[in-house]
C-alpha atoms as a PDB file:
ATOM      1  CA  UNK A   1     -46.988  23.488 -18.332  1.00  0.00           C
ATOM      2  CA  UNK A   2     -50.503  22.314 -19.000  1.00  0.00           C
ATOM      3  CA  UNK A   3     -51.824  25.422 -20.677  1.00  0.00           C
ATOM      4  CA  UNK A   4     -53.386  25.783 -24.119  1.00  0.00           C
ATOM      5  CA  UNK A   5     -50.079  26.693 -25.812  1.00  0.00           C
ATOM      6  CA  UNK A   6     -48.234  23.746 -24.270  1.00  0.00           C
ATOM      7  CA  UNK A   7     -50.898  21.197 -25.226  1.00  0.00           C
ATOM      8  CA  UNK A   8     -51.247  22.567 -28.764  1.00  0.00           C
ATOM      9  CA  UNK A   9     -47.465  22.335 -29.236  1.00  0.00           C
ATOM     10  CA  UNK A  10     -47.559  18.713 -28.055  1.00  0.00           C
ATOM     11  CA  UNK A  11     -50.480  17.961 -30.388  1.00  0.00           C
ATOM     12  CA  UNK A  12     -48.563  19.374 -33.370  1.00  0.00           C
ATOM     13  CA  UNK A  13     -45.424  17.405 -32.500  1.00  0.00           C
ATOM     14  CA  UNK A  14     -47.299  14.135 -32.017  1.00  0.00           C
ATOM     15  CA  UNK A  15     -49.268  14.700 -35.239  1.00  0.00           C
ATOM     16  CA  UNK A  16     -46.028  15.215 -37.173  1.00  0.00           C
ATOM     17  CA  UNK A  17     -44.569  12.064 -35.614  1.00  0.00           C
ATOM     18  CA  UNK A  18     -47.696  10.031 -36.465  1.00  0.00           C
ATOM     19  CA  UNK A  19     -47.534  11.157 -40.096  1.00  0.00           C
ATOM     20  CA  UNK A  20     -43.814  10.388 -40.265  1.00  0.00           C
ATOM     21  CA  UNK A  21     -44.224   6.908 -38.785  1.00  0.00           C
ATOM     22  CA  UNK A  22     -47.096   6.209 -41.171  1.00  0.00           C
ATOM     23  CA  UNK A  23     -44.917   7.139 -44.147  1.00  0.00           C
ATOM     24  CA  UNK A  24     -42.199   4.811 -42.846  1.00  0.00           C
ATOM     25  CA  UNK A  25     -44.669   1.932 -42.445  1.00  0.00           C
ATOM     26  CA  UNK A  26     -44.194   1.724 -38.678  1.00  0.00           C
ATOM     27  CA  UNK A  27     -47.843   1.029 -38.058  1.00  0.00           C
ATOM     28  CA  UNK A  28     -47.532  -0.236 -34.486  1.00  0.00           C
ATOM     29  CA  UNK A  29     -46.807   3.289 -33.261  1.00  0.00           C
ATOM     30  CA  UNK A  30     -49.247   5.144 -35.514  1.00  0.00           C
ATOM     31  CA  UNK A  31     -52.140   4.212 -33.242  1.00  0.00           C
ATOM     32  CA  UNK A  32     -50.261   5.441 -30.166  1.00  0.00           C
ATOM     33  CA  UNK A  33     -49.300   8.736 -31.728  1.00  0.00           C
ATOM     34  CA  UNK A  34     -52.681   9.528 -33.255  1.00  0.00           C
ATOM     35  CA  UNK A  35     -54.341   8.987 -29.873  1.00  0.00           C
ATOM     36  CA  UNK A  36     -51.788  11.168 -28.129  1.00  0.00           C
ATOM     37  CA  UNK A  37     -52.092  13.950 -30.732  1.00  0.00           C
ATOM     38  CA  UNK A  38     -55.871  13.971 -30.372  1.00  0.00           C
ATOM     39  CA  UNK A  39     -55.742  13.869 -26.582  1.00  0.00           C
ATOM     40  CA  UNK A  40     -53.353  16.834 -26.548  1.00  0.00           C
ATOM     41  CA  UNK A  41     -55.652  18.744 -28.907  1.00  0.00           C
ATOM     42  CA  UNK A  42     -58.580  18.046 -26.584  1.00  0.00           C
ATOM     43  CA  UNK A  43     -56.491  19.144 -23.591  1.00  0.00           C
ATOM     44  CA  UNK A  44     -55.570  22.381 -25.407  1.00  0.00           C
ATOM     45  CA  UNK A  45     -59.209  23.135 -26.111  1.00  0.00           C
ATOM     46  CA  UNK A  46     -60.268  22.289 -22.576  1.00  0.00           C
ATOM     47  CA  UNK A  47     -57.412  24.349 -21.108  1.00  0.00           C
ATOM     48  CA  UNK A  48     -58.783  27.370 -22.941  1.00  0.00           C
ATOM     49  CA  UNK A  49     -61.872  26.902 -20.741  1.00  0.00           C
ATOM     50  CA  UNK A  50     -59.853  26.296 -17.569  1.00  0.00           C
ATOM     51  CA  UNK A  51     -60.262  22.498 -17.605  1.00  0.00           C
ATOM     52  CA  UNK A  52     -57.277  20.183 -17.120  1.00  0.00           C
ATOM     53  CA  UNK A  53     -58.104  16.484 -17.398  1.00  0.00           C
ATOM     54  CA  UNK A  54     -54.487  15.378 -17.085  1.00  0.00           C
ATOM     55  CA  UNK A  55     -54.452  16.481 -13.440  1.00  0.00           C
ATOM     56  CA  UNK A  56     -56.484  13.356 -12.591  1.00  0.00           C
ATOM     57  CA  UNK A  57     -54.671  10.602 -14.515  1.00  0.00           C
ATOM     58  CA  UNK A  58     -56.940   7.772 -13.363  1.00  0.00           C
ATOM     59  CA  UNK A  59     -60.018   9.334 -14.926  1.00  0.00           C
ATOM     60  CA  UNK A  60     -58.397  11.611 -17.506  1.00  0.00           C
ATOM     61  CA  UNK A  61     -59.090   9.502 -20.558  1.00  0.00           C
ATOM     62  CA  UNK A  62     -62.756   8.898 -19.800  1.00  0.00           C
ATOM     63  CA  UNK A  63     -63.380  12.520 -18.835  1.00  0.00           C
ATOM     64  CA  UNK A  64     -61.480  13.815 -21.875  1.00  0.00           C
ATOM     65  CA  UNK A  65     -63.468  11.646 -24.298  1.00  0.00           C
ATOM     66  CA  UNK A  66     -66.778  12.471 -22.624  1.00  0.00           C
ATOM     67  CA  UNK A  67     -66.041  16.205 -22.723  1.00  0.00           C
ATOM     68  CA  UNK A  68     -64.834  16.110 -26.340  1.00  0.00           C
ATOM     69  CA  UNK A  69     -67.857  14.182 -27.591  1.00  0.00           C
ATOM     70  CA  UNK A  70     -70.184  16.595 -25.785  1.00  0.00           C
ATOM     71  CA  UNK A  71     -68.417  19.750 -26.959  1.00  0.00           C
ATOM     72  CA  UNK A  72     -67.473  18.515 -30.437  1.00  0.00           C
ATOM     73  CA  UNK A  73     -70.150  15.984 -31.398  1.00  0.00           C
ATOM     74  CA  UNK A  74     -68.954  16.063 -35.007  1.00  0.00           C
ATOM     75  CA  UNK A  75     -65.738  14.262 -33.978  1.00  0.00           C
ATOM     76  CA  UNK A  76     -67.350  11.523 -31.866  1.00  0.00           C
ATOM     77  CA  UNK A  77     -67.233   8.862 -34.595  1.00  0.00           C
ATOM     78  CA  UNK A  78     -63.611   9.702 -35.401  1.00  0.00           C
ATOM     79  CA  UNK A  79     -62.626   9.364 -31.743  1.00  0.00           C
ATOM     80  CA  UNK A  80     -64.109   5.870 -31.798  1.00  0.00           C
ATOM     81  CA  UNK A  81     -62.199   5.072 -35.015  1.00  0.00           C
ATOM     82  CA  UNK A  82     -58.914   6.120 -33.449  1.00  0.00           C
ATOM     83  CA  UNK A  83     -59.445   4.058 -30.305  1.00  0.00           C
ATOM     84  CA  UNK A  84     -60.433   1.008 -32.309  1.00  0.00           C
ATOM     85  CA  UNK A  85     -57.394   1.355 -34.578  1.00  0.00           C
ATOM     86  CA  UNK A  86     -55.180   1.922 -31.535  1.00  0.00           C
ATOM     87  CA  UNK A  87     -56.046  -1.521 -30.188  1.00  0.00           C
ATOM     88  CA  UNK A  88     -55.636  -3.250 -33.528  1.00  0.00           C
ATOM     89  CA  UNK A  89     -52.355  -1.533 -34.366  1.00  0.00           C
ATOM     90  CA  UNK A  90     -50.879  -1.878 -30.902  1.00  0.00           C
ATOM     91  CA  UNK A  91     -51.316  -5.631 -30.879  1.00  0.00           C
ATOM     92  CA  UNK A  92     -51.127  -6.604 -34.547  1.00  0.00           C
ATOM     93  CA  UNK A  93     -49.458  -3.552 -36.033  1.00  0.00           C
ATOM     94  CA  UNK A  94     -49.113  -4.755 -39.573  1.00  0.00           C
ATOM     95  CA  UNK A  95     -52.287  -3.329 -41.032  1.00  0.00           C
ATOM     96  CA  UNK A  96     -51.564  -0.271 -43.150  1.00  0.00           C
ATOM     97  CA  UNK A  97     -55.280   0.164 -43.790  1.00  0.00           C
ATOM     98  CA  UNK A  98     -56.004   0.592 -40.078  1.00  0.00           C
ATOM     99  CA  UNK A  99     -53.083   2.990 -39.732  1.00  0.00           C
ATOM    100  CA  UNK A 100     -54.444   5.025 -42.646  1.00  0.00           C
ATOM    101  CA  UNK A 101     -57.873   5.130 -40.971  1.00  0.00           C
ATOM    102  CA  UNK A 102     -56.285   6.348 -37.720  1.00  0.00           C
ATOM    103  CA  UNK A 103     -54.330   9.076 -39.507  1.00  0.00           C
ATOM    104  CA  UNK A 104     -57.433  10.183 -41.404  1.00  0.00           C
ATOM    105  CA  UNK A 105     -59.519  10.326 -38.238  1.00  0.00           C
ATOM    106  CA  UNK A 106     -56.762  12.251 -36.422  1.00  0.00           C
ATOM    107  CA  UNK A 107     -56.589  14.808 -39.227  1.00  0.00           C
ATOM    108  CA  UNK A 108     -60.373  15.320 -39.228  1.00  0.00           C
ATOM    109  CA  UNK A 109     -60.455  15.716 -35.444  1.00  0.00           C
ATOM    110  CA  UNK A 110     -57.609  18.218 -35.376  1.00  0.00           C
ATOM    111  CA  UNK A 111     -59.182  20.150 -38.241  1.00  0.00           C
ATOM    112  CA  UNK A 112     -62.546  20.423 -36.463  1.00  0.00           C
ATOM    113  CA  UNK A 113     -61.048  21.445 -33.119  1.00  0.00           C
ATOM    114  CA  UNK A 114     -58.762  23.980 -34.801  1.00  0.00           C
ATOM    115  CA  UNK A 115     -61.649  25.387 -36.883  1.00  0.00           C
ATOM    116  CA  UNK A 116     -63.941  25.831 -33.901  1.00  0.00           C
ATOM    117  CA  UNK A 117     -61.402  27.073 -31.363  1.00  0.00           C
ATOM    118  CA  UNK A 118     -58.765  28.866 -33.425  1.00  0.00           C
ATOM    119  CA  UNK A 119     -56.055  26.874 -31.615  1.00  0.00           C
ATOM    120  CA  UNK A 120     -53.236  26.013 -34.037  1.00  0.00           C
ATOM    121  CA  UNK A 121     -53.021  22.213 -34.188  1.00  0.00           C
ATOM    122  CA  UNK A 122     -51.486  21.589 -37.628  1.00  0.00           C
END
C-alpha cells in the first residue's frame, strides 16, 4: 500500500466516481471526489520519487500541494480551482457550473501528470 501503482489505481477509481456523480447531478460529492482523485495522482507521482505525503496526515495536504505546484507549475491554477469548487460544492452543492469547473480542472491535472510521468491516471 502507498506505492505508485496503488495511488494511481485510487486516482482512476475516484476520477471515474467524480465523472459518474457529475453525470447524475450529485454536485455535493463532485468536489470531494475531484480533490481526492487529484491528491491520489499527486501521491502516485511523488511515490515514484520515494515521497509519501500521506504518512504525515496533519501536514499531508499542505505538503502535497506545495510539492505539486513546484514540480508541476502548469497545474497550479487548476489546483486552486478544485479547492475553491470543493468549498462551494461541499456547502452549497447545487451549482452545476462549479461542478463542471472542478471536473475540467481535475481532467487537466490528471492529463498533465500522466503526460509528464507516464503514470496511468485515466
